[in-house]
Each structure stands twice: as C-alpha cells, then as structure tokens.
Amino acid sequence: MFENASAQGKRQFTRENKNARDNYSKESVVTQNEEETREDLIIGRNAVIEVLKSDRTIECIYIANGNMEGSIKVIINMAREKGLVLKEVDRKKLDGMSNGTNHQGVIALVTPFKYCQIADMLKDAREKKQDPFIVILDEIEDPHNLGSIIRTAELCGVHGIIIPKRRNVGITSTVYKCSVGAIEHMKIAKVTNINAAIDELKESGIWVYGADIAGEEYSYEVNFNGPCAVVIGSEGRGISKLTLKKCDKLIKIPMIGKINSLNASVAGGIMMYEILKGRLLKKQS
C-alpha cells in the first residue's frame, strides 16, 4: 500500500518497527528551548506543503500512523513526485519531536534555513523593477512574532528582512509554522551589526524609517514612495538608542486607547501596510 517505487527510482514509504520507534524517540525528543531554536524541523500541514513547493532540501517526512486523508494525501503525493523518504510513525514520536506543538500529523526534517545577503534583496528589487522595500527587526525574540511579521511582509511585497545574529530568534520550526510557509518566499539576512546594515542600505540610496512612540509624524502622514526600510523594535525595549539615531525619520502609529504600546508583529503589520498603500496609490496617480 505504501510502496513508492517506480522507474524513476522513487523511494519507499516505510513503517518503522517498535524498536526503531523506541530508539528514535529517545534521540529525537526535544525540550521546549531546543524546539524554539532548531532550524531543521518543519511542523504542520501547510508549512510542510510550502516547503515541498520550495527548493529546500528535505531529508525525510514523518507522517502519523493511519493519517492518510485530505492534505496529508497531498503531501504524500508531492513527496513521492520528488522521490523523498516518507516514514509512517507513531503519533507519540511526532509529539516528542515537536514538544507538544500541534503537528497535525506531519513533520519534515530539512536542512537549516539558508540566509541571504543584503545585496540579494536589492538585486531582487532591481530585477522586479521596484523600489527596494526592506524590514529591519531589532531584537525580536518571540518566534510567533517573527513568523507573523514574515507572513505579513510576504503579503506586502517586502523584498527582504534583516535580523541580528544576537538577541533575535532565528528561523525555527515555530517561526516557520507561524509564517504559514511564507518564509520560503522571503529573503532573510542575519547580520552581526544592525547599524552597519543600516549604513549599507543608506549607501544604496534607501531611506530608513523607525517605528517609535516618539516619532515626528504619524504613519499615515508619511510619503513612503521611493526606496525605503522600516525598523521594528522589540515589545519590551523598542528600538535601541543607537539604532534610533541611525534612522532618517521616526514615525509613530496613532493610538487613542489607554494602552500605549502594540505587539511587535501588529506594529510591523501596520507599518508595512502603510508603505504598501502608499505604493499602490502612487501607481494609480
């Protein structure tokens, strides 16, 4: 029933025996901290489908016993077309691999995410004959926030996201799942120094905005036409002082309630849509 052999030499969908399950479980159960930092697990149906559409190298796809209907069947067929290794395993094994995250009966083991260079983002904008639109994240440590920002960025036509190597979450399985696969369509650069990255963007003619409560103008008042980048800070600390000084202009988001701060992904989403709106209006004029 699970044979995946063909003239093209595609591999077999195998069931693991009990001993294999036991050995695997001991080696692969991860703690919450490990799950939040690993960059080689893709968890959940939509995320796995998106990685199958990409050029990412997939080592193996694990599917829960008896879970062969709906989108799982789509995943199996896509994997077979690529000649990938498929393993039908006990659901408890997937629970251990995902540390209790809702895996929806499927996990892919992949090569770690391949980060790009800032120059790659600018090249992408040139090839599309568009003004560069870059997002810079300053110490976003919550993987759910990063995943949501990546998802919104892809929808808004962002050419790339820049994150620091230190004090910022990387591209983990949680980030991937929260991005709903959008990460496979987004260029991301991990840099040693955010401020040096801003200098590089400025040298390329890009205007850098910072989202800050002490901004000079409201987001809806700014003309975002032309090459631009927007810096989003962490929820607790905001944008660091040195990075604030690097920004060409600080912008604030209007708020009329009693709470004076926004979730980082929400603030980022508002800023990105303001830039997208400005560009769409420019096309219409």
C-alpha atoms as a PDB file:
ATOM      1  CA  MET A   1       0.000   0.000   0.000  1.00  0.00           C
ATOM      2  CA  PHE A   2       2.820   2.394   0.825  1.00  0.00           C
ATOM      3  CA  GLU A   3       5.202   1.424  -1.947  1.00  0.00           C
ATOM      4  CA  ASN A   4       6.820   4.404  -3.613  1.00  0.00           C
ATOM      5  CA  ALA A   5       8.941   2.511  -6.127  1.00  0.00           C
ATOM      6  CA  SER A   6       8.890   3.451  -9.800  1.00  0.00           C
ATOM      7  CA  ALA A   7      11.007   3.503 -12.926  1.00  0.00           C
ATOM      8  CA  GLN A   8      12.421   6.802 -11.678  1.00  0.00           C
ATOM      9  CA  GLY A   9      13.749   5.078  -8.578  1.00  0.00           C
ATOM     10  CA  LYS A  10      11.490   6.856  -6.102  1.00  0.00           C
ATOM     11  CA  ARG A  11      11.790   5.729  -2.527  1.00  0.00           C
ATOM     12  CA  GLN A  12       9.563   3.652  -0.319  1.00  0.00           C
ATOM     13  CA  PHE A  13       7.028   4.845   2.233  1.00  0.00           C
ATOM     14  CA  THR A  14       8.080   2.752   5.221  1.00  0.00           C
ATOM     15  CA  ARG A  15       6.610   1.914   8.593  1.00  0.00           C
ATOM     16  CA  GLU A  16       9.069   1.782  11.449  1.00  0.00           C
ATOM     17  CA  ASN A  17       9.040  -1.199  13.780  1.00  0.00           C
ATOM     18  CA  LYS A  18       8.632  -0.858  17.535  1.00  0.00           C
ATOM     19  CA  ASN A  19      12.359  -0.967  18.288  1.00  0.00           C
ATOM     20  CA  ALA A  20      13.050   1.715  15.706  1.00  0.00           C
ATOM     21  CA  ARG A  21      10.337   3.835  17.281  1.00  0.00           C
ATOM     22  CA  ASP A  22      11.774   3.455  20.742  1.00  0.00           C
ATOM     23  CA  ASN A  23      15.319   4.294  19.663  1.00  0.00           C
ATOM     24  CA  TYR A  24      14.179   7.248  17.611  1.00  0.00           C
ATOM     25  CA  SER A  25      12.063   8.632  20.434  1.00  0.00           C
ATOM     26  CA  LYS A  26      14.989   8.668  22.856  1.00  0.00           C
ATOM     27  CA  GLU A  27      17.198  10.526  20.394  1.00  0.00           C
ATOM     28  CA  SER A  28      14.671  12.944  18.960  1.00  0.00           C
ATOM     29  CA  VAL A  29      12.518  14.146  21.835  1.00  0.00           C
ATOM     30  CA  VAL A  30      13.413  17.799  22.292  1.00  0.00           C
ATOM     31  CA  THR A  31      12.901  20.251  25.109  1.00  0.00           C
ATOM     32  CA  GLN A  32      10.916  23.445  24.596  1.00  0.00           C
ATOM     33  CA  ASN A  33      14.110  25.514  24.443  1.00  0.00           C
ATOM     34  CA  GLU A  34      15.580  23.183  21.809  1.00  0.00           C
ATOM     35  CA  GLU A  35      12.391  23.263  19.740  1.00  0.00           C
ATOM     36  CA  GLU A  36      12.451  27.074  19.781  1.00  0.00           C
ATOM     37  CA  THR A  37      15.997  27.216  18.388  1.00  0.00           C
ATOM     38  CA  ARG A  38      16.108  24.297  15.928  1.00  0.00           C
ATOM     39  CA  GLU A  39      16.108  25.263  12.277  1.00  0.00           C
ATOM     40  CA  ASP A  40      15.731  21.768  10.797  1.00  0.00           C
ATOM     41  CA  LEU A  41      12.108  20.862  11.626  1.00  0.00           C
ATOM     42  CA  ILE A  42       9.045  21.964   9.657  1.00  0.00           C
ATOM     43  CA  ILE A  43       5.872  21.266  11.616  1.00  0.00           C
ATOM     44  CA  GLY A  44       2.260  21.191  10.396  1.00  0.00           C
ATOM     45  CA  ARG A  45       0.466  20.540   7.105  1.00  0.00           C
ATOM     46  CA  ASN A  46       0.512  23.963   5.437  1.00  0.00           C
ATOM     47  CA  ALA A  47       4.134  24.549   6.394  1.00  0.00           C
ATOM     48  CA  VAL A  48       5.206  21.154   5.013  1.00  0.00           C
ATOM     49  CA  ILE A  49       3.288  21.743   1.767  1.00  0.00           C
ATOM     50  CA  GLU A  50       5.060  25.093   1.310  1.00  0.00           C
ATOM     51  CA  VAL A  51       8.492  23.598   1.931  1.00  0.00           C
ATOM     52  CA  LEU A  52       7.685  20.871  -0.619  1.00  0.00           C
ATOM     53  CA  LYS A  53       6.996  23.609  -3.175  1.00  0.00           C
ATOM     54  CA  SER A  54      10.376  25.198  -2.461  1.00  0.00           C
ATOM     55  CA  ASP A  55      13.941  24.240  -3.339  1.00  0.00           C
ATOM     56  CA  ARG A  56      14.750  23.429   0.301  1.00  0.00           C
ATOM     57  CA  THR A  57      16.475  20.064   0.816  1.00  0.00           C
ATOM     58  CA  ILE A  58      14.150  17.689   2.684  1.00  0.00           C
ATOM     59  CA  GLU A  59      15.808  14.762   4.453  1.00  0.00           C
ATOM     60  CA  CYS A  60      12.637  12.931   5.477  1.00  0.00           C
ATOM     61  CA  ILE A  61       8.916  13.433   6.080  1.00  0.00           C
ATOM     62  CA  TYR A  62       7.329  11.744   9.104  1.00  0.00           C
ATOM     63  CA  ILE A  63       3.588  11.039   8.974  1.00  0.00           C
ATOM     64  CA  ALA A  64       1.420   9.718  11.813  1.00  0.00           C
ATOM     65  CA  ASN A  65       0.083   6.158  11.528  1.00  0.00           C
ATOM     66  CA  GLY A  66      -3.217   5.926   9.654  1.00  0.00           C
ATOM     67  CA  ASN A  67      -3.267   9.637   8.829  1.00  0.00           C
ATOM     68  CA  MET A  68      -3.568   9.388   5.050  1.00  0.00           C
ATOM     69  CA  GLU A  69      -6.521  11.597   4.117  1.00  0.00           C
ATOM     70  CA  GLY A  70      -7.064  15.195   2.997  1.00  0.00           C
ATOM     71  CA  SER A  71      -3.993  17.418   2.854  1.00  0.00           C
ATOM     72  CA  ILE A  72      -1.814  14.557   4.142  1.00  0.00           C
ATOM     73  CA  LYS A  73      -2.551  12.727   0.896  1.00  0.00           C
ATOM     74  CA  VAL A  74      -1.450  15.860  -0.992  1.00  0.00           C
ATOM     75  CA  ILE A  75       1.814  15.867   0.988  1.00  0.00           C
ATOM     76  CA  ILE A  76       2.411  12.174   0.265  1.00  0.00           C
ATOM     77  CA  ASN A  77       1.860  12.658  -3.467  1.00  0.00           C
ATOM     78  CA  MET A  78       4.125  15.720  -3.608  1.00  0.00           C
ATOM     79  CA  ALA A  79       6.841  13.888  -1.681  1.00  0.00           C
ATOM     80  CA  ARG A  80       6.606  10.853  -3.961  1.00  0.00           C
ATOM     81  CA  GLU A  81       6.955  13.049  -7.038  1.00  0.00           C
ATOM     82  CA  LYS A  82      10.210  14.375  -5.571  1.00  0.00           C
ATOM     83  CA  GLY A  83      11.427  10.913  -4.594  1.00  0.00           C
ATOM     84  CA  LEU A  84      11.634  11.812  -0.906  1.00  0.00           C
ATOM     85  CA  VAL A  85      11.879   9.495   2.086  1.00  0.00           C
ATOM     86  CA  LEU A  86       8.487   9.054   3.780  1.00  0.00           C
ATOM     87  CA  LYS A  87       8.097   7.325   7.141  1.00  0.00           C
ATOM     88  CA  GLU A  88       4.830   6.332   8.802  1.00  0.00           C
ATOM     89  CA  VAL A  89       5.412   6.606  12.550  1.00  0.00           C
ATOM     90  CA  ASP A  90       3.583   6.531  15.858  1.00  0.00           C
ATOM     91  CA  ARG A  91       1.919   9.857  16.708  1.00  0.00           C
ATOM     92  CA  LYS A  92       3.784   9.905  20.033  1.00  0.00           C
ATOM     93  CA  LYS A  93       7.024  10.183  18.107  1.00  0.00           C
ATOM     94  CA  LEU A  94       5.768  13.352  16.415  1.00  0.00           C
ATOM     95  CA  ASP A  95       4.642  14.664  19.810  1.00  0.00           C
ATOM     96  CA  GLY A  96       8.195  14.180  21.068  1.00  0.00           C
ATOM     97  CA  MET A  97       9.780  15.801  18.030  1.00  0.00           C
ATOM     98  CA  SER A  98       7.520  18.851  18.276  1.00  0.00           C
ATOM     99  CA  ASN A  99       7.488  19.093  22.085  1.00  0.00           C
ATOM    100  CA  GLY A 100       3.691  19.137  22.117  1.00  0.00           C
ATOM    101  CA  THR A 101       3.270  21.696  19.314  1.00  0.00           C
ATOM    102  CA  ASN A 102       0.231  20.887  17.153  1.00  0.00           C
ATOM    103  CA  HIS A 103       1.980  18.996  14.359  1.00  0.00           C
ATOM    104  CA  GLN A 104      -1.253  17.949  12.554  1.00  0.00           C
ATOM    105  CA  GLY A 105       0.230  14.507  11.939  1.00  0.00           C
ATOM    106  CA  VAL A 106       3.238  15.550   9.848  1.00  0.00           C
ATOM    107  CA  ILE A 107       6.794  16.833  10.377  1.00  0.00           C
ATOM    108  CA  ALA A 108       9.524  17.351   7.787  1.00  0.00           C
ATOM    109  CA  LEU A 109      13.222  17.115   8.616  1.00  0.00           C
ATOM    110  CA  VAL A 110      15.045  19.652   6.437  1.00  0.00           C
ATOM    111  CA  THR A 111      18.397  21.327   6.034  1.00  0.00           C
ATOM    112  CA  PRO A 112      18.656  24.534   8.108  1.00  0.00           C
ATOM    113  CA  PHE A 113      17.289  27.724   6.557  1.00  0.00           C
ATOM    114  CA  LYS A 114      19.648  29.388   4.087  1.00  0.00           C
ATOM    115  CA  TYR A 115      20.107  33.054   4.920  1.00  0.00           C
ATOM    116  CA  CYS A 116      20.936  35.556   2.187  1.00  0.00           C
ATOM    117  CA  GLN A 117      22.948  38.772   1.866  1.00  0.00           C
ATOM    118  CA  ILE A 118      21.509  42.294   1.813  1.00  0.00           C
ATOM    119  CA  ALA A 119      22.782  42.586  -1.758  1.00  0.00           C
ATOM    120  CA  ASP A 120      20.471  39.698  -2.736  1.00  0.00           C
ATOM    121  CA  MET A 121      17.433  41.669  -1.542  1.00  0.00           C
ATOM    122  CA  LEU A 122      18.436  44.744  -3.518  1.00  0.00           C
ATOM    123  CA  LYS A 123      19.084  42.620  -6.588  1.00  0.00           C
ATOM    124  CA  ASP A 124      15.599  41.105  -6.274  1.00  0.00           C
ATOM    125  CA  ALA A 125      14.053  44.594  -6.221  1.00  0.00           C
ATOM    126  CA  ARG A 126      16.061  45.647  -9.286  1.00  0.00           C
ATOM    127  CA  GLU A 127      15.052  42.551 -11.225  1.00  0.00           C
ATOM    128  CA  LYS A 128      11.394  43.254 -10.432  1.00  0.00           C
ATOM    129  CA  LYS A 129      11.931  46.929 -11.381  1.00  0.00           C
ATOM    130  CA  GLN A 130      10.644  48.006  -7.977  1.00  0.00           C
ATOM    131  CA  ASP A 131      11.920  50.386  -5.303  1.00  0.00           C
ATOM    132  CA  PRO A 132      13.509  48.318  -2.504  1.00  0.00           C
ATOM    133  CA  PHE A 133      11.248  47.668   0.483  1.00  0.00           C
ATOM    134  CA  ILE A 134      13.190  46.232   3.437  1.00  0.00           C
ATOM    135  CA  VAL A 135      12.148  45.373   7.015  1.00  0.00           C
ATOM    136  CA  ILE A 136      14.744  45.519   9.810  1.00  0.00           C
ATOM    137  CA  LEU A 137      13.965  43.749  13.093  1.00  0.00           C
ATOM    138  CA  ASP A 138      15.761  44.871  16.243  1.00  0.00           C
ATOM    139  CA  GLU A 139      15.871  42.070  18.851  1.00  0.00           C
ATOM    140  CA  ILE A 140      12.577  40.281  18.155  1.00  0.00           C
ATOM    141  CA  GLU A 141      12.870  37.279  20.483  1.00  0.00           C
ATOM    142  CA  ASP A 142       9.357  35.801  20.221  1.00  0.00           C
ATOM    143  CA  PRO A 143       9.188  33.219  17.387  1.00  0.00           C
ATOM    144  CA  HIS A 144       5.442  33.792  16.995  1.00  0.00           C
ATOM    145  CA  ASN A 145       6.036  37.495  16.353  1.00  0.00           C
ATOM    146  CA  LEU A 146       8.787  36.802  13.833  1.00  0.00           C
ATOM    147  CA  GLY A 147       6.644  34.260  11.982  1.00  0.00           C
ATOM    148  CA  SER A 148       3.713  36.673  11.817  1.00  0.00           C
ATOM    149  CA  ILE A 149       5.949  39.504  10.587  1.00  0.00           C
ATOM    150  CA  ILE A 150       7.367  37.288   7.836  1.00  0.00           C
ATOM    151  CA  ARG A 151       3.855  36.318   6.749  1.00  0.00           C
ATOM    152  CA  THR A 152       2.722  39.951   6.560  1.00  0.00           C
ATOM    153  CA  ALA A 153       5.946  41.013   4.846  1.00  0.00           C
ATOM    154  CA  GLU A 154       5.451  38.473   2.071  1.00  0.00           C
ATOM    155  CA  LEU A 155       1.883  39.678   1.521  1.00  0.00           C
ATOM    156  CA  CYS A 156       3.040  43.323   1.390  1.00  0.00           C
ATOM    157  CA  GLY A 157       5.740  42.756  -1.210  1.00  0.00           C
ATOM    158  CA  VAL A 158       8.743  43.210   1.090  1.00  0.00           C
ATOM    159  CA  HIS A 159      11.992  42.313  -0.688  1.00  0.00           C
ATOM    160  CA  GLY A 160      13.807  41.165   2.424  1.00  0.00           C
ATOM    161  CA  ILE A 161      14.025  41.077   6.213  1.00  0.00           C
ATOM    162  CA  ILE A 162      17.177  41.808   8.208  1.00  0.00           C
ATOM    163  CA  ILE A 163      17.649  40.296  11.680  1.00  0.00           C
ATOM    164  CA  PRO A 164      20.618  40.427  14.084  1.00  0.00           C
ATOM    165  CA  LYS A 165      22.583  37.308  14.984  1.00  0.00           C
ATOM    166  CA  ARG A 166      22.360  38.083  18.693  1.00  0.00           C
ATOM    167  CA  ARG A 167      19.256  38.587  20.842  1.00  0.00           C
ATOM    168  CA  ASN A 168      16.907  37.731  17.987  1.00  0.00           C
ATOM    169  CA  VAL A 169      15.131  34.462  17.282  1.00  0.00           C
ATOM    170  CA  GLY A 170      16.290  32.619  14.155  1.00  0.00           C
ATOM    171  CA  ILE A 171      14.242  30.645  11.637  1.00  0.00           C
ATOM    172  CA  THR A 172      12.945  27.873  13.890  1.00  0.00           C
ATOM    173  CA  SER A 173      10.095  25.422  13.374  1.00  0.00           C
ATOM    174  CA  THR A 174       7.763  27.700  15.368  1.00  0.00           C
ATOM    175  CA  VAL A 175       8.685  30.677  13.188  1.00  0.00           C
ATOM    176  CA  TYR A 176       8.125  28.592  10.068  1.00  0.00           C
ATOM    177  CA  LYS A 177       4.713  27.408  11.222  1.00  0.00           C
ATOM    178  CA  CYS A 178       3.591  30.926  12.232  1.00  0.00           C
ATOM    179  CA  SER A 179       4.651  32.229   8.831  1.00  0.00           C
ATOM    180  CA  VAL A 180       2.376  29.584   7.237  1.00  0.00           C
ATOM    181  CA  GLY A 181       5.143  28.804   4.760  1.00  0.00           C
ATOM    182  CA  ALA A 182       5.633  32.439   3.676  1.00  0.00           C
ATOM    183  CA  ILE A 183       9.253  32.111   4.747  1.00  0.00           C
ATOM    184  CA  GLU A 184      10.003  30.071   1.618  1.00  0.00           C
ATOM    185  CA  HIS A 185       9.201  33.173  -0.439  1.00  0.00           C
ATOM    186  CA  MET A 186      11.105  35.687   1.693  1.00  0.00           C
ATOM    187  CA  LYS A 187      14.781  36.657   1.678  1.00  0.00           C
ATOM    188  CA  ILE A 188      16.205  36.942   5.188  1.00  0.00           C
ATOM    189  CA  ALA A 189      19.655  38.203   6.141  1.00  0.00           C
ATOM    190  CA  LYS A 190      21.184  37.542   9.557  1.00  0.00           C
ATOM    191  CA  VAL A 191      23.759  40.238  10.312  1.00  0.00           C
ATOM    192  CA  THR A 192      26.350  40.803  13.023  1.00  0.00           C
ATOM    193  CA  ASN A 193      25.564  44.503  13.369  1.00  0.00           C
ATOM    194  CA  ILE A 194      22.173  46.066  12.606  1.00  0.00           C
ATOM    195  CA  ASN A 195      23.626  49.576  12.469  1.00  0.00           C
ATOM    196  CA  ALA A 196      26.249  48.559   9.916  1.00  0.00           C
ATOM    197  CA  ALA A 197      23.430  47.015   7.866  1.00  0.00           C
ATOM    198  CA  ILE A 198      21.547  50.321   8.003  1.00  0.00           C
ATOM    199  CA  ASP A 199      24.667  52.124   6.762  1.00  0.00           C
ATOM    200  CA  GLU A 200      24.853  49.663   3.861  1.00  0.00           C
ATOM    201  CA  LEU A 201      21.234  50.367   2.946  1.00  0.00           C
ATOM    202  CA  LYS A 202      21.772  54.123   3.109  1.00  0.00           C
ATOM    203  CA  GLU A 203      24.763  53.834   0.800  1.00  0.00           C
ATOM    204  CA  SER A 204      22.380  52.187  -1.679  1.00  0.00           C
ATOM    205  CA  GLY A 205      20.023  55.166  -1.524  1.00  0.00           C
ATOM    206  CA  ILE A 206      17.470  53.659   0.847  1.00  0.00           C
ATOM    207  CA  TRP A 207      15.635  55.909   3.312  1.00  0.00           C
ATOM    208  CA  VAL A 208      15.378  54.299   6.764  1.00  0.00           C
ATOM    209  CA  TYR A 209      12.305  54.838   8.965  1.00  0.00           C
ATOM    210  CA  GLY A 210      11.998  53.799  12.606  1.00  0.00           C
ATOM    211  CA  ALA A 211       8.673  52.895  14.229  1.00  0.00           C
ATOM    212  CA  ASP A 212       8.765  54.623  17.618  1.00  0.00           C
ATOM    213  CA  ILE A 213       6.275  56.164  20.032  1.00  0.00           C
ATOM    214  CA  ALA A 214       8.318  59.398  19.970  1.00  0.00           C
ATOM    215  CA  GLY A 215       8.047  59.671  16.187  1.00  0.00           C
ATOM    216  CA  GLU A 216       7.948  63.035  14.418  1.00  0.00           C
ATOM    217  CA  GLU A 217       4.970  62.136  12.199  1.00  0.00           C
ATOM    218  CA  TYR A 218       2.113  59.663  12.198  1.00  0.00           C
ATOM    219  CA  SER A 219       2.423  56.706   9.854  1.00  0.00           C
ATOM    220  CA  TYR A 220      -0.499  57.893   7.704  1.00  0.00           C
ATOM    221  CA  GLU A 221       1.150  61.302   7.135  1.00  0.00           C
ATOM    222  CA  VAL A 222       4.356  59.974   5.584  1.00  0.00           C
ATOM    223  CA  ASN A 223       5.014  59.657   1.855  1.00  0.00           C
ATOM    224  CA  PHE A 224       6.694  56.263   1.549  1.00  0.00           C
ATOM    225  CA  ASN A 225       7.384  56.493  -2.175  1.00  0.00           C
ATOM    226  CA  GLY A 226      10.900  55.545  -3.182  1.00  0.00           C
ATOM    227  CA  PRO A 227      13.381  53.020  -1.752  1.00  0.00           C
ATOM    228  CA  CYS A 228      12.761  52.531   1.964  1.00  0.00           C
ATOM    229  CA  ALA A 229      13.363  50.367   5.001  1.00  0.00           C
ATOM    230  CA  VAL A 230      11.437  50.281   8.277  1.00  0.00           C
ATOM    231  CA  VAL A 231      12.905  49.305  11.653  1.00  0.00           C
ATOM    232  CA  ILE A 232      10.667  47.450  14.129  1.00  0.00           C
ATOM    233  CA  GLY A 233      11.859  47.101  17.727  1.00  0.00           C
ATOM    234  CA  SER A 234      11.085  44.537  20.402  1.00  0.00           C
ATOM    235  CA  GLU A 235       7.948  44.862  22.520  1.00  0.00           C
ATOM    236  CA  GLY A 236       9.780  45.403  25.785  1.00  0.00           C
ATOM    237  CA  ARG A 237      12.671  47.645  24.759  1.00  0.00           C
ATOM    238  CA  GLY A 238      11.651  49.061  21.402  1.00  0.00           C
ATOM    239  CA  ILE A 239      14.397  50.149  19.020  1.00  0.00           C
ATOM    240  CA  SER A 240      17.824  50.532  20.657  1.00  0.00           C
ATOM    241  CA  LYS A 241      19.088  54.112  21.173  1.00  0.00           C
ATOM    242  CA  LEU A 242      21.963  53.822  18.714  1.00  0.00           C
ATOM    243  CA  THR A 243      19.689  52.382  16.025  1.00  0.00           C
ATOM    244  CA  LEU A 244      17.142  55.162  16.615  1.00  0.00           C
ATOM    245  CA  LYS A 245      19.886  57.684  15.847  1.00  0.00           C
ATOM    246  CA  LYS A 246      20.677  55.827  12.618  1.00  0.00           C
ATOM    247  CA  CYS A 247      17.107  56.202  11.321  1.00  0.00           C
ATOM    248  CA  ASP A 248      16.419  59.030   8.867  1.00  0.00           C
ATOM    249  CA  LYS A 249      12.988  59.631  10.356  1.00  0.00           C
ATOM    250  CA  LEU A 250      10.991  58.276  13.315  1.00  0.00           C
ATOM    251  CA  ILE A 251       7.324  57.511  12.761  1.00  0.00           C
ATOM    252  CA  LYS A 252       4.593  56.859  15.301  1.00  0.00           C
ATOM    253  CA  ILE A 253       1.430  54.808  14.949  1.00  0.00           C
ATOM    254  CA  PRO A 254      -1.772  56.603  16.063  1.00  0.00           C
ATOM    255  CA  MET A 255      -3.356  55.204  19.237  1.00  0.00           C
ATOM    256  CA  ILE A 256      -6.309  56.589  21.196  1.00  0.00           C
ATOM    257  CA  GLY A 257      -6.764  53.921  23.868  1.00  0.00           C
ATOM    258  CA  LYS A 258      -5.298  53.699  27.370  1.00  0.00           C
ATOM    259  CA  ILE A 259      -2.595  51.202  26.348  1.00  0.00           C
ATOM    260  CA  ASN A 260       0.411  52.932  24.773  1.00  0.00           C
ATOM    261  CA  SER A 261       2.156  50.007  23.088  1.00  0.00           C
ATOM    262  CA  LEU A 262       1.476  47.441  20.365  1.00  0.00           C
ATOM    263  CA  ASN A 263       2.560  43.864  19.830  1.00  0.00           C
ATOM    264  CA  ALA A 264       5.678  43.923  17.614  1.00  0.00           C
ATOM    265  CA  SER A 265       4.017  41.932  14.834  1.00  0.00           C
ATOM    266  CA  VAL A 266       0.968  44.225  14.874  1.00  0.00           C
ATOM    267  CA  ALA A 267       3.139  47.359  14.766  1.00  0.00           C
ATOM    268  CA  GLY A 268       5.157  45.850  11.949  1.00  0.00           C
ATOM    269  CA  GLY A 269       1.994  44.939  10.069  1.00  0.00           C
ATOM    270  CA  ILE A 270       0.607  48.473  10.328  1.00  0.00           C
ATOM    271  CA  MET A 271       3.856  49.998   9.070  1.00  0.00           C
ATOM    272  CA  MET A 272       4.174  47.551   6.185  1.00  0.00           C
ATOM    273  CA  TYR A 273       0.606  48.152   5.026  1.00  0.00           C
ATOM    274  CA  GLU A 274       1.100  51.930   5.191  1.00  0.00           C
ATOM    275  CA  ILE A 275       4.081  51.541   2.849  1.00  0.00           C
ATOM    276  CA  LEU A 276       2.166  49.170   0.565  1.00  0.00           C
ATOM    277  CA  LYS A 277      -0.811  51.553   0.469  1.00  0.00           C
ATOM    278  CA  GLY A 278       1.459  54.462  -0.485  1.00  0.00           C
ATOM    279  CA  ARG A 279       2.975  52.467  -3.322  1.00  0.00           C
ATOM    280  CA  LEU A 280      -0.395  51.330  -4.638  1.00  0.00           C
ATOM    281  CA  LEU A 281      -1.737  54.898  -4.572  1.00  0.00           C
ATOM    282  CA  LYS A 282       1.358  56.066  -6.450  1.00  0.00           C
ATOM    283  CA  LYS A 283       0.605  53.550  -9.215  1.00  0.00           C
ATOM    284  CA  GLN A 284      -2.949  54.853  -9.519  1.00  0.00           C
ATOM    285  CA  SER A 285      -1.904  58.524  -9.805  1.00  0.00           C
END
